[in-house]
N, C-alpha and C. Protein backbone atom coordinates (compact mmCIF):
# COMPACT_ATOMS: atom_id res chain seq x y z
N MET A 1 144.40 113.15 8.28
CA MET A 1 143.68 112.47 9.04
C MET A 1 142.97 113.87 10.05
N ASP A 2 141.57 113.52 9.89
CA ASP A 2 140.85 115.11 10.75
C ASP A 2 141.28 114.53 12.30
N SER A 3 141.54 115.75 12.95
CA SER A 3 141.53 115.53 14.56
C SER A 3 140.34 114.80 15.24
N PRO A 4 140.26 114.60 16.34
CA PRO A 4 139.08 114.14 17.06
C PRO A 4 137.87 115.23 17.36
N SER A 5 138.50 116.12 17.50
CA SER A 5 137.34 117.32 17.98
C SER A 5 136.71 117.64 16.66
N ALA A 6 137.61 117.75 15.40
CA ALA A 6 137.03 117.85 14.22
C ALA A 6 135.70 116.97 13.74
N GLN A 7 135.52 115.49 14.34
CA GLN A 7 134.97 114.62 14.08
C GLN A 7 133.61 115.07 14.81
N ILE A 8 133.71 115.44 15.93
CA ILE A 8 132.17 115.84 17.04
C ILE A 8 131.56 117.05 16.37
N PRO A 9 130.07 116.64 15.76
CA PRO A 9 129.38 117.73 15.22
C PRO A 9 129.29 118.82 16.02
N PRO A 10 129.09 119.87 15.75
CA PRO A 10 129.12 121.45 16.34
C PRO A 10 127.73 121.45 17.89
N ALA A 11 126.57 120.63 17.26
CA ALA A 11 125.82 120.62 18.43
C ALA A 11 126.21 120.21 19.86
N SER A 12 126.89 118.91 19.65
CA SER A 12 127.49 118.02 20.52
C SER A 12 128.96 118.89 21.13
N LEU A 13 129.21 119.34 20.40
CA LEU A 13 130.26 120.19 21.07
C LEU A 13 129.78 121.48 22.11
N TRP A 14 128.99 122.02 21.35
CA TRP A 14 128.61 123.21 21.91
C TRP A 14 127.62 122.59 23.42
N PHE A 15 127.29 121.46 23.12
CA PHE A 15 126.56 120.93 24.24
C PHE A 15 127.64 120.34 25.85
N ARG A 16 128.81 120.01 25.04
CA ARG A 16 129.54 119.35 26.34
C ARG A 16 130.52 120.61 26.97
N LEU A 17 130.53 121.97 25.56
CA LEU A 17 130.99 123.13 26.48
C LEU A 17 130.29 123.95 27.54
N LYS A 18 129.02 123.66 26.94
CA LYS A 18 127.91 124.27 28.07
C LYS A 18 127.83 123.42 29.30
N LEU A 19 127.58 122.29 29.19
CA LEU A 19 127.65 121.21 30.32
C LEU A 19 128.85 121.54 31.12
N ASN A 20 130.10 121.65 30.44
CA ASN A 20 131.22 121.77 31.71
C ASN A 20 131.58 123.06 32.07
N GLN A 21 130.67 124.11 31.60
CA GLN A 21 130.38 125.41 32.13
C GLN A 21 129.43 125.40 33.22
N LEU A 22 128.12 124.44 33.31
CA LEU A 22 127.16 124.78 34.24
C LEU A 22 127.47 123.41 35.58
N LEU A 23 128.55 122.59 35.14
CA LEU A 23 128.70 121.57 35.92
C LEU A 23 129.16 121.87 37.52
N PRO A 24 130.15 123.26 37.43
CA PRO A 24 130.13 123.81 38.87
C PRO A 24 128.80 124.19 39.56
N GLU A 25 128.15 124.72 38.79
CA GLU A 25 126.95 125.41 39.34
C GLU A 25 126.05 124.30 39.96
N LEU A 26 126.08 123.21 38.89
CA LEU A 26 125.24 122.08 39.30
C LEU A 26 125.58 121.32 40.38
N ILE A 27 127.06 121.27 40.87
CA ILE A 27 127.41 120.74 41.67
C ILE A 27 127.13 121.88 43.36
N VAL A 28 127.11 123.17 43.29
CA VAL A 28 126.63 124.10 44.28
C VAL A 28 125.28 123.84 44.58
N VAL A 29 124.56 123.68 43.50
CA VAL A 29 123.27 123.29 43.75
C VAL A 29 122.84 122.39 44.66
N PHE A 30 123.44 121.05 44.19
CA PHE A 30 123.20 119.98 44.87
C PHE A 30 123.75 119.75 46.23
N ILE A 31 125.14 120.33 46.48
CA ILE A 31 125.25 120.18 47.62
C ILE A 31 124.68 121.31 48.60
N GLY A 32 124.00 122.34 48.13
CA GLY A 32 123.12 123.13 48.58
C GLY A 32 121.68 122.62 49.07
N VAL A 33 121.13 122.00 48.05
CA VAL A 33 119.77 120.88 48.39
C VAL A 33 120.30 119.80 49.42
N PHE A 34 121.31 119.28 49.37
CA PHE A 34 121.48 117.78 50.14
C PHE A 34 121.99 118.40 51.62
N ALA A 35 122.52 119.47 51.53
CA ALA A 35 122.73 120.05 53.09
C ALA A 35 121.52 120.80 53.51
N ALA A 36 120.36 121.46 52.74
CA ALA A 36 119.40 121.95 53.34
C ALA A 36 118.58 120.75 53.97
N PHE A 37 118.54 119.74 53.05
CA PHE A 37 117.76 118.13 53.16
C PHE A 37 118.38 117.59 55.06
N VAL A 38 119.49 117.86 54.54
CA VAL A 38 120.49 117.21 56.05
C VAL A 38 120.21 117.90 57.09
N LEU A 39 120.06 119.13 57.09
CA LEU A 39 119.99 120.38 58.51
C LEU A 39 118.55 119.93 58.60
N SER A 40 117.53 120.06 57.78
CA SER A 40 115.94 119.71 57.80
C SER A 40 115.84 118.72 58.73
N ALA A 41 116.42 117.45 58.29
CA ALA A 41 116.63 116.17 59.06
C ALA A 41 116.50 116.27 60.33
N TYR A 42 118.01 116.69 60.54
CA TYR A 42 118.40 116.90 61.80
C TYR A 42 117.75 117.83 62.55
N GLN A 43 116.99 118.64 62.59
CA GLN A 43 116.10 119.61 63.34
C GLN A 43 115.07 118.68 63.55
N ALA A 44 114.68 118.11 62.74
CA ALA A 44 113.07 117.31 62.86
C ALA A 44 113.48 116.49 63.78
N GLU A 45 114.66 115.80 63.66
CA GLU A 45 115.41 114.24 64.92
C GLU A 45 115.30 115.38 66.21
N GLN A 46 115.85 116.66 66.43
CA GLN A 46 116.11 116.93 67.54
C GLN A 46 114.74 117.57 68.13
N GLN A 47 114.08 117.98 67.45
CA GLN A 47 112.79 118.24 67.97
C GLN A 47 112.16 117.04 68.62
N LYS A 48 111.69 116.19 67.83
CA LYS A 48 111.62 114.86 68.06
C LYS A 48 112.05 114.33 69.09
N GLU A 49 113.42 114.59 69.53
CA GLU A 49 114.23 114.22 70.80
C GLU A 49 113.41 115.01 71.98
N GLN A 50 113.39 116.32 71.63
CA GLN A 50 112.75 117.17 72.67
C GLN A 50 111.63 116.31 73.10
N GLN A 51 110.67 116.50 72.33
CA GLN A 51 109.34 116.00 72.54
C GLN A 51 109.72 114.66 73.63
N ARG A 52 110.48 113.91 73.17
CA ARG A 52 110.92 112.44 74.19
C ARG A 52 110.99 112.85 75.40
N ILE A 53 112.37 113.77 75.59
CA ILE A 53 112.47 114.44 76.82
C ILE A 53 111.52 114.95 77.45
N GLU A 54 110.50 115.72 76.92
CA GLU A 54 109.71 116.46 77.82
C GLU A 54 108.54 115.24 78.44
N ILE A 55 108.44 114.35 77.59
CA ILE A 55 107.12 113.68 78.15
C ILE A 55 107.92 112.80 79.00
N VAL A 56 109.19 112.15 79.08
CA VAL A 56 110.07 111.66 80.11
C VAL A 56 109.96 112.54 81.34
N ARG A 57 110.37 113.73 81.33
CA ARG A 57 110.22 114.50 82.37
C ARG A 57 108.80 114.72 83.29
N ALA A 58 107.57 114.54 82.17
CA ALA A 58 106.38 114.25 82.82
C ALA A 58 106.11 113.12 83.57
N VAL A 59 106.55 111.76 82.94
CA VAL A 59 106.25 110.61 83.63
C VAL A 59 107.17 110.63 84.94
N ARG A 60 108.54 111.39 84.95
CA ARG A 60 109.74 111.49 86.17
C ARG A 60 108.98 112.33 87.18
N VAL A 61 108.04 113.40 86.76
CA VAL A 61 107.40 114.18 87.83
C VAL A 61 106.29 113.27 88.46
N ASP A 62 105.59 112.71 87.64
CA ASP A 62 104.32 111.64 88.40
C ASP A 62 105.15 110.64 89.33
N LEU A 63 106.32 110.27 88.72
CA LEU A 63 106.72 109.05 89.53
C LEU A 63 107.29 109.54 90.83
N ALA A 64 108.00 110.59 90.58
CA ALA A 64 108.72 111.27 91.81
C ALA A 64 107.18 111.73 93.21
N THR A 65 106.52 112.52 92.64
CA THR A 65 105.08 112.69 93.29
C THR A 65 104.79 111.33 93.69
N TYR A 66 104.43 109.97 93.25
CA TYR A 66 103.81 108.97 94.19
C TYR A 66 104.77 108.29 94.86
N VAL A 67 106.04 108.33 94.84
CA VAL A 67 106.86 108.33 95.64
C VAL A 67 106.70 108.89 97.04
N ALA A 68 106.93 110.13 96.64
CA ALA A 68 106.60 110.98 97.77
C ALA A 68 105.56 110.91 98.80
N ASN A 69 104.31 110.54 97.62
CA ASN A 69 102.95 110.48 98.56
C ASN A 69 102.72 109.20 99.53
N GLY A 70 103.98 107.98 99.21
CA GLY A 70 103.82 106.79 99.31
C GLY A 70 104.62 106.66 100.38
N SER A 71 105.83 107.32 100.55
CA SER A 71 106.65 107.01 101.59
C SER A 71 106.96 108.09 103.02
N GLU A 72 106.21 108.88 102.70
CA GLU A 72 106.03 110.05 103.99
C GLU A 72 105.74 109.24 104.83
N PRO A 73 106.42 109.34 105.85
CA PRO A 73 106.56 108.49 107.60
C PRO A 73 105.02 108.50 107.95
N LYS A 74 104.36 109.58 108.05
CA LYS A 74 103.39 109.75 108.67
C LYS A 74 102.32 109.84 108.27
N GLN A 75 102.40 110.22 106.92
CA GLN A 75 101.10 110.65 106.23
C GLN A 75 100.84 109.90 104.84
N GLY A 76 102.07 109.39 104.55
CA GLY A 76 102.11 108.63 103.37
C GLY A 76 100.94 107.38 103.20
N PHE A 77 101.03 106.82 101.92
CA PHE A 77 100.04 106.00 101.94
C PHE A 77 100.38 104.45 102.33
N VAL A 78 101.81 104.17 102.15
CA VAL A 78 102.32 102.69 102.65
C VAL A 78 101.99 102.77 104.00
N HIS A 79 102.24 104.17 104.91
CA HIS A 79 101.73 104.05 106.47
C HIS A 79 100.34 103.71 106.64
N TYR A 80 99.26 104.25 105.73
CA TYR A 80 98.30 104.32 105.60
C TYR A 80 97.49 102.65 105.59
N PHE A 81 98.29 102.08 104.64
CA PHE A 81 97.59 100.35 104.35
C PHE A 81 98.34 99.74 105.30
N THR A 82 99.81 100.04 105.80
CA THR A 82 99.88 99.18 107.19
C THR A 82 99.23 99.01 107.83
N GLU A 83 98.76 100.64 108.50
CA GLU A 83 97.88 100.52 109.69
C GLU A 83 96.65 100.04 109.26
N ILE A 84 96.42 99.92 108.34
CA ILE A 84 95.12 99.11 107.92
C ILE A 84 95.28 97.75 108.18
N ASN A 85 96.34 97.29 107.87
CA ASN A 85 96.79 95.71 107.80
C ASN A 85 96.87 95.50 109.78
N ARG A 86 97.66 96.03 110.10
CA ARG A 86 97.96 96.18 111.26
C ARG A 86 96.48 96.01 112.51
N SER A 87 95.43 96.73 112.29
CA SER A 87 94.53 97.02 112.66
C SER A 87 93.67 95.95 112.73
N ASN A 88 93.69 95.19 111.20
CA ASN A 88 93.15 93.60 111.07
C ASN A 88 93.88 92.83 111.43
N GLN A 89 95.09 92.86 111.55
CA GLN A 89 95.67 91.55 112.38
C GLN A 89 95.28 91.47 113.67
N LEU A 90 95.34 92.73 114.24
CA LEU A 90 94.86 92.54 116.04
C LEU A 90 93.55 92.38 116.02
N GLN A 91 92.81 92.58 115.33
CA GLN A 91 91.21 92.33 115.38
C GLN A 91 90.91 90.70 115.21
N LEU A 92 91.93 90.24 114.23
CA LEU A 92 92.01 88.82 113.69
C LEU A 92 92.01 87.96 115.26
N LYS A 93 93.31 88.37 115.80
CA LYS A 93 93.79 87.85 117.12
C LYS A 93 92.55 87.80 118.26
N LYS A 94 91.93 88.59 118.33
CA LYS A 94 91.06 88.60 119.19
C LYS A 94 89.38 87.88 118.60
N GLN A 95 89.24 87.39 117.46
CA GLN A 95 88.24 86.95 116.56
C GLN A 95 86.90 87.37 116.53
N ARG A 96 87.29 89.02 116.43
CA ARG A 96 86.08 89.76 116.24
C ARG A 96 86.44 90.85 115.30
N LEU A 97 85.59 91.42 114.70
CA LEU A 97 85.57 92.73 114.26
C LEU A 97 84.83 93.56 114.51
N GLU A 98 85.50 94.58 114.76
CA GLU A 98 85.14 96.04 115.57
C GLU A 98 84.65 97.32 115.07
N ARG A 99 86.17 97.42 113.94
CA ARG A 99 86.23 98.50 113.32
C ARG A 99 86.97 98.25 111.97
N LEU A 100 86.16 98.52 110.98
CA LEU A 100 86.91 98.26 109.45
C LEU A 100 87.16 99.82 108.87
N PRO A 101 88.11 99.72 107.81
CA PRO A 101 88.37 100.85 107.25
C PRO A 101 87.50 101.52 106.97
N GLY A 102 86.43 101.35 106.45
CA GLY A 102 85.43 101.40 105.47
C GLY A 102 85.88 101.84 103.78
N VAL A 103 85.14 102.57 103.25
CA VAL A 103 85.69 102.53 102.03
C VAL A 103 86.86 103.63 101.99
N ILE A 104 87.52 103.13 101.41
CA ILE A 104 88.96 103.74 100.79
C ILE A 104 89.03 104.20 99.42
N PHE A 105 89.31 105.85 99.39
CA PHE A 105 89.48 106.51 98.22
C PHE A 105 90.41 107.23 98.63
N GLY A 106 91.05 108.16 97.72
CA GLY A 106 92.18 109.18 97.57
C GLY A 106 92.40 109.31 96.31
N ASP A 107 93.28 110.22 95.84
CA ASP A 107 93.74 110.57 94.84
C ASP A 107 95.74 110.26 95.06
N TYR A 108 96.14 110.35 96.33
CA TYR A 108 97.42 110.46 96.34
C TYR A 108 98.21 109.01 95.93
N TRP A 109 97.32 107.87 95.46
CA TRP A 109 97.91 106.93 95.26
C TRP A 109 97.65 106.33 93.85
N HIS A 110 97.13 107.56 93.00
CA HIS A 110 97.03 107.61 91.68
C HIS A 110 98.01 107.87 91.15
N LEU A 111 98.34 106.97 89.60
CA LEU A 111 99.02 107.53 88.69
C LEU A 111 98.52 108.16 87.29
N GLU A 112 97.81 109.27 87.24
CA GLU A 112 96.69 109.66 86.09
C GLU A 112 97.93 109.54 84.78
N GLY A 113 98.91 110.21 85.20
CA GLY A 113 99.53 110.44 84.01
C GLY A 113 100.24 109.55 83.27
N VAL A 114 101.13 108.84 83.84
CA VAL A 114 101.88 107.44 83.22
C VAL A 114 100.58 106.83 82.41
N ASN A 115 99.42 106.32 83.40
CA ASN A 115 98.59 105.79 82.56
C ASN A 115 97.74 106.22 81.32
N MET A 116 97.62 107.62 81.39
CA MET A 116 96.79 108.06 80.65
C MET A 116 98.02 107.90 79.01
N MET A 117 99.33 108.17 79.42
CA MET A 117 100.32 108.39 78.38
C MET A 117 100.65 107.28 77.67
N LEU A 118 100.36 106.00 78.35
CA LEU A 118 100.79 104.50 78.23
C LEU A 118 99.55 104.23 77.04
N ALA A 119 97.90 104.42 77.80
CA ALA A 119 96.93 104.17 76.90
C ALA A 119 97.03 104.71 75.78
N SER A 120 97.62 106.20 75.47
CA SER A 120 97.48 106.99 74.38
C SER A 120 98.61 106.94 73.25
N GLY A 121 99.49 106.37 73.60
CA GLY A 121 100.30 106.03 72.80
C GLY A 121 101.94 106.96 72.99
N ARG A 122 101.50 107.94 73.57
CA ARG A 122 102.81 109.01 73.54
C ARG A 122 103.97 108.51 73.93
N LEU A 123 103.88 107.42 75.06
CA LEU A 123 105.23 106.84 75.46
C LEU A 123 106.09 105.76 74.35
N ASN A 124 105.20 105.38 73.53
CA ASN A 124 105.94 104.41 72.03
C ASN A 124 107.09 104.80 71.63
N ASP A 125 107.87 106.60 71.48
CA ASP A 125 109.03 106.47 71.23
C ASP A 125 109.69 107.01 71.99
N ILE A 126 109.58 106.72 73.59
CA ILE A 126 110.65 106.26 74.25
C ILE A 126 111.60 105.34 74.31
N ASP A 127 112.85 105.30 74.87
CA ASP A 127 113.69 104.13 75.18
C ASP A 127 112.72 102.84 75.35
N LEU A 128 113.04 102.07 74.42
CA LEU A 128 112.48 100.73 74.51
C LEU A 128 112.38 100.11 75.98
N ALA A 129 113.40 100.04 76.93
CA ALA A 129 113.61 99.27 78.12
C ALA A 129 113.09 100.29 79.07
N LEU A 130 112.94 101.37 78.94
CA LEU A 130 112.45 102.25 79.77
C LEU A 130 110.91 101.80 79.60
N TYR A 131 110.25 101.99 78.15
CA TYR A 131 109.23 101.80 78.19
C TYR A 131 108.47 100.43 78.81
N ARG A 132 109.38 99.37 78.39
CA ARG A 132 108.89 98.11 78.58
C ARG A 132 108.93 98.21 80.61
N SER A 133 109.77 98.60 81.37
CA SER A 133 109.48 98.88 82.54
C SER A 133 108.48 99.79 83.08
N LEU A 134 108.07 100.65 82.30
CA LEU A 134 106.79 101.80 82.80
C LEU A 134 105.33 100.90 82.58
N ALA A 135 105.55 100.00 81.40
CA ALA A 135 104.15 99.25 81.21
C ALA A 135 104.23 98.23 82.40
N ARG A 136 105.40 97.38 82.74
CA ARG A 136 105.03 96.54 83.92
C ARG A 136 104.93 97.22 84.95
N PHE A 137 105.21 98.37 85.50
CA PHE A 137 104.82 99.21 86.47
C PHE A 137 103.33 99.62 86.54
N ASN A 138 102.93 100.02 85.17
CA ASN A 138 101.82 100.19 85.24
C ASN A 138 100.71 99.51 85.41
N THR A 139 100.85 98.18 84.84
CA THR A 139 100.44 96.99 85.29
C THR A 139 100.10 96.53 86.61
N LEU A 140 101.07 96.83 87.24
CA LEU A 140 101.30 96.22 88.75
C LEU A 140 100.35 97.22 89.78
N HIS A 141 100.31 98.74 89.09
CA HIS A 141 99.86 99.26 89.97
C HIS A 141 98.36 99.44 89.65
N GLN A 142 97.92 99.17 88.51
CA GLN A 142 96.93 98.79 88.39
C GLN A 142 95.48 97.81 88.91
N ASN A 143 96.72 97.01 88.99
CA ASN A 143 96.07 95.55 90.15
C ASN A 143 95.76 96.17 91.19
N PHE A 144 96.81 97.06 91.84
CA PHE A 144 96.54 98.05 92.97
C PHE A 144 95.39 98.43 93.18
N LEU A 145 95.07 99.50 92.00
CA LEU A 145 93.88 99.89 92.26
C LEU A 145 92.83 99.15 92.45
N ARG A 146 92.58 97.98 91.35
CA ARG A 146 91.45 97.00 91.51
C ARG A 146 91.48 96.20 92.76
N MET A 147 92.34 95.83 93.44
CA MET A 147 92.60 95.61 94.84
C MET A 147 91.58 96.61 96.16
N ILE A 148 92.15 97.65 95.49
CA ILE A 148 91.82 98.75 96.88
C ILE A 148 89.90 98.64 96.50
N GLU A 149 89.73 98.60 95.13
CA GLU A 149 88.19 98.56 94.65
C GLU A 149 87.44 97.30 95.21
N GLY A 150 88.31 96.32 95.12
CA GLY A 150 87.57 95.35 95.41
C GLY A 150 87.27 94.91 96.93
N TYR A 151 88.50 95.45 97.64
CA TYR A 151 88.28 95.62 99.41
C TYR A 151 86.82 96.43 99.78
N ASN A 152 86.70 97.63 98.88
CA ASN A 152 85.81 98.56 99.31
C ASN A 152 84.45 97.60 98.89
N GLN A 153 84.62 96.88 97.91
CA GLN A 153 83.18 96.11 97.45
C GLN A 153 83.07 94.94 98.29
N TYR A 154 83.81 94.41 99.18
CA TYR A 154 83.76 93.15 99.82
C TYR A 154 83.07 93.88 101.02
N GLN A 155 84.33 95.23 101.70
CA GLN A 155 83.40 95.54 103.00
C GLN A 155 81.77 95.67 102.89
N LEU A 156 82.03 96.33 101.93
CA LEU A 156 80.16 97.24 101.79
C LEU A 156 79.48 95.99 101.59
N GLN A 157 79.53 94.97 100.73
CA GLN A 157 78.59 93.46 100.74
C GLN A 157 78.74 92.57 101.88
N TYR A 158 79.77 92.12 102.11
CA TYR A 158 79.96 90.99 103.23
C TYR A 158 80.27 91.37 104.50
N LEU A 159 80.87 92.32 104.70
CA LEU A 159 81.28 92.62 106.21
C LEU A 159 80.34 93.58 106.92
N MET A 160 79.96 94.87 106.62
CA MET A 160 79.66 95.69 106.95
C MET A 160 78.27 95.43 107.69
N PRO A 161 77.35 94.76 106.38
CA PRO A 161 76.01 94.23 106.94
C PRO A 161 75.76 93.42 108.28
N HIS A 162 77.09 92.63 108.44
CA HIS A 162 77.13 91.60 109.52
C HIS A 162 77.95 91.53 110.52
N LEU A 163 78.57 93.21 111.07
CA LEU A 163 79.12 93.45 111.97
C LEU A 163 78.28 92.99 113.26
N VAL A 164 77.22 93.04 113.46
CA VAL A 164 76.40 92.85 114.78
C VAL A 164 76.66 91.32 115.04
N GLN A 165 76.22 90.79 113.90
CA GLN A 165 75.95 89.01 113.85
C GLN A 165 77.17 88.52 113.87
N GLN A 166 78.38 89.27 113.70
CA GLN A 166 79.64 88.46 113.68
C GLN A 166 79.91 87.07 113.54
N PRO A 167 79.56 86.58 112.09
CA PRO A 167 79.59 85.37 111.47
C PRO A 167 80.82 84.94 111.19
N PHE A 168 81.98 85.87 111.08
CA PHE A 168 83.14 85.49 110.48
C PHE A 168 84.29 84.87 111.07
N PHE A 169 84.02 84.37 112.11
CA PHE A 169 84.99 83.06 112.50
C PHE A 169 84.19 81.53 113.09
N GLN A 170 84.97 80.70 113.15
CA GLN A 170 84.65 79.44 113.72
C GLN A 170 84.81 79.15 115.03
N ALA A 171 84.51 77.91 115.62
CA ALA A 171 84.78 77.55 116.99
C ALA A 171 86.09 77.97 117.32
N ASP A 172 86.83 76.79 116.27
CA ASP A 172 88.38 77.17 116.58
C ASP A 172 88.96 78.64 116.62
N GLY A 173 88.37 79.32 115.97
CA GLY A 173 88.81 80.72 115.67
C GLY A 173 89.47 81.02 114.38
N SER A 174 89.45 80.06 113.65
CA SER A 174 89.62 80.10 112.50
C SER A 174 88.66 81.12 111.39
N LEU A 175 89.06 82.07 110.29
CA LEU A 175 88.04 82.74 109.35
C LEU A 175 86.89 81.49 108.86
N ALA A 176 85.76 81.89 109.17
CA ALA A 176 84.68 81.05 108.48
C ALA A 176 84.69 80.95 106.94
N PRO A 177 84.55 79.84 106.48
CA PRO A 177 84.50 79.58 104.48
C PRO A 177 83.61 80.75 103.97
N GLY A 178 84.13 81.57 103.32
CA GLY A 178 83.96 82.60 102.32
C GLY A 178 84.12 84.14 102.84
N TYR A 179 85.00 83.57 104.05
CA TYR A 179 85.23 85.02 104.70
C TYR A 179 86.89 85.26 104.93
N GLU A 180 87.48 84.07 104.06
CA GLU A 180 89.17 84.25 104.09
C GLU A 180 89.78 85.31 103.73
N SER A 181 88.78 86.34 102.89
CA SER A 181 89.26 87.41 102.06
C SER A 181 89.86 88.54 103.34
N ILE A 182 89.22 88.71 104.35
CA ILE A 182 89.39 89.55 105.43
C ILE A 182 90.74 89.74 105.72
N ALA A 183 91.58 88.47 105.78
CA ALA A 183 92.88 88.47 106.17
C ALA A 183 93.70 89.06 104.78
N MET A 184 93.33 88.52 103.38
CA MET A 184 94.00 88.65 102.41
C MET A 184 94.11 90.04 102.21
N TYR A 185 92.51 90.86 102.07
CA TYR A 185 92.81 92.17 101.33
C TYR A 185 93.86 93.26 101.85
N PRO A 186 93.86 93.30 103.33
CA PRO A 186 95.01 94.51 103.87
C PRO A 186 96.22 93.86 103.48
N GLU A 187 96.29 92.67 103.82
CA GLU A 187 98.13 92.34 103.57
C GLU A 187 98.31 92.67 102.31
N GLN A 188 97.58 92.28 101.21
CA GLN A 188 97.70 92.52 99.82
C GLN A 188 98.05 93.81 99.88
N LEU A 189 97.06 94.73 100.00
CA LEU A 189 97.06 96.10 99.99
C LEU A 189 98.29 96.71 100.83
N GLN A 190 98.83 96.38 101.38
CA GLN A 190 99.92 97.06 102.13
C GLN A 190 100.92 96.50 101.50
N ARG A 191 101.25 95.23 101.07
CA ARG A 191 101.93 94.76 100.15
C ARG A 191 102.18 95.63 99.14
N PHE A 192 101.09 95.47 97.88
CA PHE A 192 101.55 95.94 97.07
C PHE A 192 101.60 98.06 97.28
N SER A 193 101.46 98.48 98.29
CA SER A 193 101.69 99.80 98.31
C SER A 193 103.03 100.03 98.32
N GLU A 194 103.86 99.02 99.24
CA GLU A 194 105.39 98.55 99.60
C GLU A 194 105.72 98.33 97.98
N VAL A 195 105.42 97.46 97.50
CA VAL A 195 106.21 97.18 96.04
C VAL A 195 106.03 98.32 95.13
N THR A 196 105.17 98.72 95.19
CA THR A 196 104.87 100.18 94.12
C THR A 196 105.63 101.35 94.27
N VAL A 197 105.73 101.56 95.52
CA VAL A 197 106.84 102.60 95.59
C VAL A 197 108.19 102.26 95.33
N GLN A 198 108.59 101.36 96.07
CA GLN A 198 109.52 100.36 95.11
C GLN A 198 110.21 100.64 94.28
N ILE A 199 109.07 100.23 93.47
CA ILE A 199 109.79 100.08 91.66
C ILE A 199 109.67 101.09 91.14
N ALA A 200 108.84 102.37 91.84
CA ALA A 200 108.72 103.65 91.54
C ALA A 200 110.14 104.63 91.35
N GLN A 201 110.83 104.26 92.74
CA GLN A 201 111.85 104.41 93.37
C GLN A 201 112.79 104.07 92.04
N GLU A 202 113.03 102.71 91.61
CA GLU A 202 113.75 102.13 90.90
C GLU A 202 113.63 102.79 89.35
N LEU A 203 112.22 103.06 89.52
CA LEU A 203 112.14 103.70 87.33
C LEU A 203 112.97 105.30 87.72
N LEU A 204 112.79 105.76 88.96
CA LEU A 204 113.23 107.19 88.65
C LEU A 204 114.95 107.32 88.63
N GLY A 205 115.59 106.03 89.20
CA GLY A 205 117.05 106.04 89.02
C GLY A 205 117.40 105.40 87.48
N GLU A 206 116.28 104.86 87.02
CA GLU A 206 116.70 104.41 85.49
C GLU A 206 116.46 105.63 84.62
N ILE A 207 115.54 106.40 85.09
CA ILE A 207 115.25 107.74 84.08
C ILE A 207 116.50 108.49 84.51
N ASP A 208 116.55 108.82 85.48
CA ASP A 208 118.04 109.43 86.03
C ASP A 208 119.54 109.27 84.99
N LYS A 209 119.46 107.68 85.11
CA LYS A 209 120.72 107.39 84.20
C LYS A 209 120.53 107.81 82.78
N LYS A 210 119.63 107.32 82.21
CA LYS A 210 119.27 107.56 80.49
C LYS A 210 119.20 109.43 80.33
N TYR A 211 118.40 109.71 81.55
CA TYR A 211 118.19 111.18 81.15
C TYR A 211 118.69 112.36 82.25
N PRO A 212 120.05 111.97 82.03
CA PRO A 212 120.57 113.07 83.65
C PRO A 212 120.56 114.39 83.97
N GLU A 213 119.91 115.21 82.49
CA GLU A 213 119.51 116.51 82.48
C GLU A 213 118.32 116.50 83.28
N LEU A 214 117.48 115.44 83.58
CA LEU A 214 116.11 115.47 84.13
C LEU A 214 116.45 115.34 85.45
N LYS A 215 117.35 114.91 86.23
CA LYS A 215 117.37 115.04 87.60
C LYS A 215 117.64 116.14 88.34
N PRO A 216 116.80 116.78 89.01
CA PRO A 216 117.05 117.88 89.96
C PRO A 216 118.06 117.75 90.84
N PRO A 217 118.71 119.32 90.72
CA PRO A 217 119.81 119.59 91.39
C PRO A 217 119.71 119.07 93.21
N ALA A 218 120.93 118.52 93.42
CA ALA A 218 120.93 118.30 95.01
C ALA A 218 120.64 119.34 95.53
N ARG A 219 119.89 119.30 96.76
CA ARG A 219 119.73 120.99 97.94
C ARG A 219 120.85 121.08 98.01
N SER A 220 121.42 122.28 98.18
CA SER A 220 122.46 122.40 98.89
C SER A 220 122.20 122.50 100.79
N LYS A 221 123.10 122.28 100.98
CA LYS A 221 122.98 122.44 102.96
C LYS A 221 123.42 123.68 103.15
N THR A 222 122.78 124.43 103.91
CA THR A 222 123.00 125.47 104.75
C THR A 222 123.62 125.55 105.92
N PRO A 223 124.77 126.25 106.21
CA PRO A 223 125.70 125.50 107.41
C PRO A 223 124.85 126.16 108.31
N ALA A 224 124.81 125.74 109.35
CA ALA A 224 123.83 126.22 110.43
C ALA A 224 124.98 127.54 111.22
N GLU A 225 124.05 128.42 111.64
CA GLU A 225 124.69 129.54 112.17
C GLU A 225 124.93 129.53 113.39
């Protein structure tokens, strides 16, 4: 009886021998290609993560600036809107408007960076919970800006032209119909300024928890000489 090897056609036997010789090389090539693919994917993900970190860093700077601009005791915008409301409340008690804040404008309560990045979709790839928090905060902040613009228009259209006549109060001292917003606008502006600064501060804490590497180092206290 012929042996099994003797039954294999010469061409098939040559192919098997050749395959056995090439197989180690093929495995090495496959491992090399696979390793290159894994490395490329890893590098791409690392680059994407670095881009996310830089975007969050820019958001953090914007929020930190907003908090600093709002909470400064004498020059911050929380103090500014609080003073507007305080002055307005005193005039309501006197039942006479003698002084209006006039057209309110300023750039230190704006958040152009966060607003633009949300609108452009640049924040779509960051942490989902952080994205949702920023989106809610941005909506609240936009309402704050619209409230400022609304008060500006209200003053120009309904208050300033009638300061001499003073038609704002009824005989019993209450605000006349159509002038109820005299009390509403300053109160809401103060509240918006306080709440947005508070939420911005909470967002900073959320960012520092998720991205501790972005938190600025604590200032070292110099011993008194």
